[in-house]
PDB file of all heavy atoms in Angstrom:
ATOM      1  N   PRO A   1       0.824  -1.206   0.000  1.00  0.00           N
ATOM      2  CA  PRO A   1       0.000   0.000   0.000  1.00  0.00           C
ATOM      3  C   PRO A   1       0.857   1.255   0.000  1.00  0.00           C
ATOM      4  O   PRO A   1       1.865   1.335   0.704  1.00  0.00           O
ATOM      5  CB  PRO A   1      -0.799  -0.121   1.311  1.00  0.00           C
ATOM      6  CG  PRO A   1      -0.762  -1.561   1.652  1.00  0.00           C
ATOM      7  CD  PRO A   1       0.505  -2.100   1.110  1.00  0.00           C
ATOM      8  N   GLU A   2       0.472   2.210  -0.813  1.00  0.00           N
ATOM      9  CA  GLU A   2       1.240   3.441  -0.920  1.00  0.00           C
ATOM     10  C   GLU A   2       1.084   4.288   0.332  1.00  0.00           C
ATOM     11  O   GLU A   2      -0.012   4.455   0.849  1.00  0.00           O
ATOM     12  CB  GLU A   2       0.767   4.237  -2.136  1.00  0.00           C
ATOM     13  CG  GLU A   2       1.494   3.847  -3.401  1.00  0.00           C
ATOM     14  CD  GLU A   2       1.244   4.856  -4.507  1.00  0.00           C
ATOM     15  OE1 GLU A   2       0.991   6.036  -4.196  1.00  0.00           O
ATOM     16  OE2 GLU A   2       1.299   4.447  -5.666  1.00  0.00           O
ATOM     17  N   ILE A   3       2.216   4.816   0.800  1.00  0.00           N
ATOM     18  CA  ILE A   3       2.198   5.736   1.934  1.00  0.00           C
ATOM     19  C   ILE A   3       2.231   7.150   1.369  1.00  0.00           C
ATOM     20  O   ILE A   3       3.093   7.477   0.542  1.00  0.00           O
ATOM     21  CB  ILE A   3       3.408   5.480   2.848  1.00  0.00           C
ATOM     22  CG1 ILE A   3       3.335   4.064   3.431  1.00  0.00           C
ATOM     23  CG2 ILE A   3       3.453   6.509   3.975  1.00  0.00           C
ATOM     24  CD1 ILE A   3       4.530   3.683   4.282  1.00  0.00           C
ATOM     25  N   PRO A   4       1.286   7.994   1.755  1.00  0.00           N
ATOM     26  CA  PRO A   4       1.232   9.348   1.192  1.00  0.00           C
ATOM     27  C   PRO A   4       2.450  10.168   1.582  1.00  0.00           C
ATOM     28  O   PRO A   4       3.160   9.866   2.543  1.00  0.00           O
ATOM     29  CB  PRO A   4      -0.055   9.920   1.810  1.00  0.00           C
ATOM     30  CG  PRO A   4      -0.268   9.146   3.055  1.00  0.00           C
ATOM     31  CD  PRO A   4       0.236   7.765   2.760  1.00  0.00           C
ATOM     32  N   GLU A   5       2.670  11.226   0.816  1.00  0.00           N
ATOM     33  CA  GLU A   5       3.762  12.141   1.134  1.00  0.00           C
ATOM     34  C   GLU A   5       3.409  12.944   2.384  1.00  0.00           C
ATOM     35  O   GLU A   5       2.258  13.005   2.809  1.00  0.00           O
ATOM     36  CB  GLU A   5       4.006  13.092  -0.042  1.00  0.00           C
ATOM     37  CG  GLU A   5       4.530  12.384  -1.283  1.00  0.00           C
ATOM     38  CD  GLU A   5       4.805  13.384  -2.399  1.00  0.00           C
ATOM     39  OE1 GLU A   5       4.649  14.598  -2.156  1.00  0.00           O
ATOM     40  OE2 GLU A   5       5.176  12.935  -3.501  1.00  0.00           O
ATOM     41  N   GLY A   6       4.392  13.551   2.961  1.00  0.00           N
ATOM     42  CA  GLY A   6       4.165  14.328   4.170  1.00  0.00           C
ATOM     43  C   GLY A   6       5.010  13.810   5.308  1.00  0.00           C
ATOM     44  O   GLY A   6       5.777  12.843   5.163  1.00  0.00           O
ATOM     45  N   SER A   7       4.901  14.450   6.441  1.00  0.00           N
ATOM     46  CA  SER A   7       5.698  14.058   7.602  1.00  0.00           C
ATOM     47  C   SER A   7       4.842  14.123   8.865  1.00  0.00           C
ATOM     48  O   SER A   7       3.717  14.628   8.855  1.00  0.00           O
ATOM     49  CB  SER A   7       6.917  14.977   7.747  1.00  0.00           C
ATOM     50  OG  SER A   7       6.491  16.322   7.924  1.00  0.00           O
ATOM     51  N   VAL A   8       5.402  13.598   9.922  1.00  0.00           N
ATOM     52  CA  VAL A   8       4.705  13.587  11.207  1.00  0.00           C
ATOM     53  C   VAL A   8       5.713  13.975  12.288  1.00  0.00           C
ATOM     54  O   VAL A   8       6.899  13.640  12.201  1.00  0.00           O
ATOM     55  CB  VAL A   8       4.092  12.198  11.484  1.00  0.00           C
ATOM     56  CG1 VAL A   8       5.173  11.132  11.585  1.00  0.00           C
ATOM     57  CG2 VAL A   8       3.248  12.194  12.733  1.00  0.00           C
ATOM     58  N   ARG A   9       5.239  14.739  13.279  1.00  0.00           N
ATOM     59  CA  ARG A   9       6.120  15.142  14.378  1.00  0.00           C
ATOM     60  C   ARG A   9       6.052  14.107  15.490  1.00  0.00           C
ATOM     61  O   ARG A   9       4.969  13.726  15.939  1.00  0.00           O
ATOM     62  CB  ARG A   9       5.701  16.520  14.905  1.00  0.00           C
ATOM     63  CG  ARG A   9       6.056  17.656  13.939  1.00  0.00           C
ATOM     64  CD  ARG A   9       5.609  19.005  14.470  1.00  0.00           C
ATOM     65  NE  ARG A   9       4.170  19.046  14.636  1.00  0.00           N
ATOM     66  CZ  ARG A   9       3.542  19.596  15.670  1.00  0.00           C
ATOM     67  NH1 ARG A   9       4.231  20.125  16.663  1.00  0.00           N
ATOM     68  NH2 ARG A   9       2.220  19.615  15.736  1.00  0.00           N
ATOM     69  N   VAL A  10       7.224  13.661  15.938  1.00  0.00           N
ATOM     70  CA  VAL A  10       7.309  12.574  16.920  1.00  0.00           C
ATOM     71  C   VAL A  10       8.045  13.066  18.164  1.00  0.00           C
ATOM     72  O   VAL A  10       9.116  13.682  18.062  1.00  0.00           O
ATOM     73  CB  VAL A  10       8.039  11.345  16.332  1.00  0.00           C
ATOM     74  CG1 VAL A  10       8.208  10.264  17.394  1.00  0.00           C
ATOM     75  CG2 VAL A  10       7.280  10.799  15.134  1.00  0.00           C
ATOM     76  N   LYS A  11       7.449  12.779  19.310  1.00  0.00           N
ATOM     77  CA  LYS A  11       8.092  13.092  20.588  1.00  0.00           C
ATOM     78  C   LYS A  11       8.411  11.775  21.289  1.00  0.00           C
ATOM     79  O   LYS A  11       7.533  10.950  21.515  1.00  0.00           O
ATOM     80  CB  LYS A  11       7.151  13.940  21.462  1.00  0.00           C
ATOM     81  CG  LYS A  11       7.720  14.289  22.824  1.00  0.00           C
ATOM     82  CD  LYS A  11       6.710  15.097  23.639  1.00  0.00           C
ATOM     83  CE  LYS A  11       7.262  15.466  25.018  1.00  0.00           C
ATOM     84  NZ  LYS A  11       6.267  16.222  25.821  1.00  0.00           N
ATOM     85  N   PHE A  12       9.677  11.559  21.636  1.00  0.00           N
ATOM     86  CA  PHE A  12      10.098  10.334  22.323  1.00  0.00           C
ATOM     87  C   PHE A  12      10.072  10.564  23.836  1.00  0.00           C
ATOM     88  O   PHE A  12      10.619  11.556  24.334  1.00  0.00           O
ATOM     89  CB  PHE A  12      11.512   9.935  21.901  1.00  0.00           C
ATOM     90  CG  PHE A  12      11.609   9.503  20.463  1.00  0.00           C
ATOM     91  CD1 PHE A  12      12.278  10.282  19.530  1.00  0.00           C
ATOM     92  CD2 PHE A  12      11.038   8.315  20.045  1.00  0.00           C
ATOM     93  CE1 PHE A  12      12.386   9.894  18.209  1.00  0.00           C
ATOM     94  CE2 PHE A  12      11.137   7.906  18.727  1.00  0.00           C
ATOM     95  CZ  PHE A  12      11.808   8.695  17.800  1.00  0.00           C
ATOM     96  N   VAL A  13       9.447   9.630  24.561  1.00  0.00           N
ATOM     97  CA  VAL A  13       9.331   9.733  26.019  1.00  0.00           C
ATOM     98  C   VAL A  13       9.801   8.427  26.642  1.00  0.00           C
ATOM     99  O   VAL A  13       9.408   7.334  26.202  1.00  0.00           O
ATOM    100  CB  VAL A  13       7.862  10.015  26.432  1.00  0.00           C
ATOM    101  CG1 VAL A  13       7.705   9.960  27.944  1.00  0.00           C
ATOM    102  CG2 VAL A  13       7.416  11.377  25.911  1.00  0.00           C
ATOM    103  N   ASP A  14      10.650   8.510  27.656  1.00  0.00           N
ATOM    104  CA  ASP A  14      11.109   7.323  28.384  1.00  0.00           C
ATOM    105  C   ASP A  14       9.929   6.725  29.141  1.00  0.00           C
ATOM    106  O   ASP A  14       9.292   7.391  29.956  1.00  0.00           O
ATOM    107  CB  ASP A  14      12.218   7.707  29.358  1.00  0.00           C
ATOM    108  CG  ASP A  14      12.885   6.491  29.977  1.00  0.00           C
ATOM    109  OD1 ASP A  14      12.226   5.441  30.099  1.00  0.00           O
ATOM    110  OD2 ASP A  14      14.060   6.585  30.355  1.00  0.00           O
ATOM    111  N   GLN A  15       9.637   5.457  28.870  1.00  0.00           N
ATOM    112  CA  GLN A  15       8.464   4.842  29.495  1.00  0.00           C
ATOM    113  C   GLN A  15       8.590   4.744  31.011  1.00  0.00           C
ATOM    114  O   GLN A  15       7.609   4.890  31.740  1.00  0.00           O
ATOM    115  CB  GLN A  15       8.262   3.437  28.921  1.00  0.00           C
ATOM    116  CG  GLN A  15       6.994   2.764  29.369  1.00  0.00           C
ATOM    117  CD  GLN A  15       6.976   1.311  28.953  1.00  0.00           C
ATOM    118  OE1 GLN A  15       7.446   0.453  29.687  1.00  0.00           O
ATOM    119  NE2 GLN A  15       6.463   1.050  27.783  1.00  0.00           N
ATOM    120  N   ALA A  16       9.784   4.525  31.519  1.00  0.00           N
ATOM    121  CA  ALA A  16       9.975   4.347  32.958  1.00  0.00           C
ATOM    122  C   ALA A  16       9.752   5.643  33.724  1.00  0.00           C
ATOM    123  O   ALA A  16       9.169   5.642  34.813  1.00  0.00           O
ATOM    124  CB  ALA A  16      11.373   3.800  33.242  1.00  0.00           C
ATOM    125  N   THR A  17      10.206   6.786  33.162  1.00  0.00           N
ATOM    126  CA  THR A  17      10.106   8.059  33.893  1.00  0.00           C
ATOM    127  C   THR A  17       8.951   8.924  33.426  1.00  0.00           C
ATOM    128  O   THR A  17       8.521   9.834  34.136  1.00  0.00           O
ATOM    129  CB  THR A  17      11.414   8.864  33.739  1.00  0.00           C
ATOM    130  OG1 THR A  17      11.597   9.196  32.347  1.00  0.00           O
ATOM    131  CG2 THR A  17      12.602   8.053  34.217  1.00  0.00           C
ATOM    132  N   GLY A  18       8.468   8.679  32.198  1.00  0.00           N
ATOM    133  CA  GLY A  18       7.409   9.526  31.655  1.00  0.00           C
ATOM    134  C   GLY A  18       7.903  10.859  31.158  1.00  0.00           C
ATOM    135  O   GLY A  18       7.110  11.763  30.895  1.00  0.00           O
ATOM    136  N   GLU A  19       9.227  11.029  31.021  1.00  0.00           N
ATOM    137  CA  GLU A  19       9.812  12.302  30.599  1.00  0.00           C
ATOM    138  C   GLU A  19      10.637  12.105  29.324  1.00  0.00           C
ATOM    139  O   GLU A  19      11.150  11.016  29.065  1.00  0.00           O
ATOM    140  CB  GLU A  19      10.698  12.871  31.711  1.00  0.00           C
ATOM    141  CG  GLU A  19       9.933  13.170  33.000  1.00  0.00           C
ATOM    142  CD  GLU A  19      10.843  13.625  34.117  1.00  0.00           C
ATOM    143  OE1 GLU A  19      12.077  13.640  33.889  1.00  0.00           O
ATOM    144  OE2 GLU A  19      10.347  13.950  35.206  1.00  0.00           O
ATOM    145  N   SER A  20      10.764  13.197  28.566  1.00  0.00           N
ATOM    146  CA  SER A  20      11.535  13.133  27.325  1.00  0.00           C
ATOM    147  C   SER A  20      12.974  13.604  27.514  1.00  0.00           C
ATOM    148  O   SER A  20      13.820  13.390  26.646  1.00  0.00           O
ATOM    149  CB  SER A  20      10.865  13.976  26.247  1.00  0.00           C
ATOM    150  OG  SER A  20      10.765  15.330  26.668  1.00  0.00           O
ATOM    151  N   GLY A  21      13.262  14.251  28.654  1.00  0.00           N
ATOM    152  CA  GLY A  21      14.619  14.729  28.902  1.00  0.00           C
ATOM    153  C   GLY A  21      15.023  15.792  27.897  1.00  0.00           C
ATOM    154  O   GLY A  21      14.276  16.729  27.609  1.00  0.00           O
ATOM    155  N   ASP A  22      16.204  15.640  27.325  1.00  0.00           N
ATOM    156  CA  ASP A  22      16.726  16.623  26.366  1.00  0.00           C
ATOM    157  C   ASP A  22      16.378  16.283  24.919  1.00  0.00           C
ATOM    158  O   ASP A  22      16.840  16.958  23.996  1.00  0.00           O
ATOM    159  CB  ASP A  22      18.255  16.717  26.489  1.00  0.00           C
ATOM    160  CG  ASP A  22      18.687  17.190  27.875  1.00  0.00           C
ATOM    161  OD1 ASP A  22      17.914  17.961  28.487  1.00  0.00           O
ATOM    162  OD2 ASP A  22      19.764  16.769  28.338  1.00  0.00           O
ATOM    163  N   LEU A  23      15.586  15.243  24.712  1.00  0.00           N
ATOM    164  CA  LEU A  23      15.291  14.820  23.342  1.00  0.00           C
ATOM    165  C   LEU A  23      14.340  15.813  22.683  1.00  0.00           C
ATOM    166  O   LEU A  23      13.287  16.137  23.230  1.00  0.00           O
ATOM    167  CB  LEU A  23      14.667  13.422  23.336  1.00  0.00           C
ATOM    168  CG  LEU A  23      15.532  12.281  23.879  1.00  0.00           C
ATOM    169  CD1 LEU A  23      14.759  10.980  23.876  1.00  0.00           C
ATOM    170  CD2 LEU A  23      16.804  12.135  23.052  1.00  0.00           C
ATOM    171  N   PRO A  24      14.677  16.292  21.479  1.00  0.00           N
ATOM    172  CA  PRO A  24      13.798  17.242  20.796  1.00  0.00           C
ATOM    173  C   PRO A  24      12.638  16.535  20.094  1.00  0.00           C
ATOM    174  O   PRO A  24      12.674  15.320  19.878  1.00  0.00           O
ATOM    175  CB  PRO A  24      14.733  17.887  19.761  1.00  0.00           C
ATOM    176  CG  PRO A  24      15.711  16.789  19.431  1.00  0.00           C
ATOM    177  CD  PRO A  24      15.915  16.029  20.719  1.00  0.00           C
ATOM    178  N   VAL A  25      11.603  17.313  19.764  1.00  0.00           N
ATOM    179  CA  VAL A  25      10.538  16.800  18.913  1.00  0.00           C
ATOM    180  C   VAL A  25      11.074  16.811  17.480  1.00  0.00           C
ATOM    181  O   VAL A  25      11.606  17.819  17.010  1.00  0.00           O
ATOM    182  CB  VAL A  25       9.269  17.674  19.025  1.00  0.00           C
ATOM    183  CG1 VAL A  25       8.201  17.186  18.062  1.00  0.00           C
ATOM    184  CG2 VAL A  25       8.752  17.664  20.452  1.00  0.00           C
TER     185      VAL A  25
END
């Protein structure tokens, strides 16, 4: 199946702490 063009913003969060720390979106 074709995936459309475009992008998505992703935020990474540590599951154990619930925080993203210094990781950018």
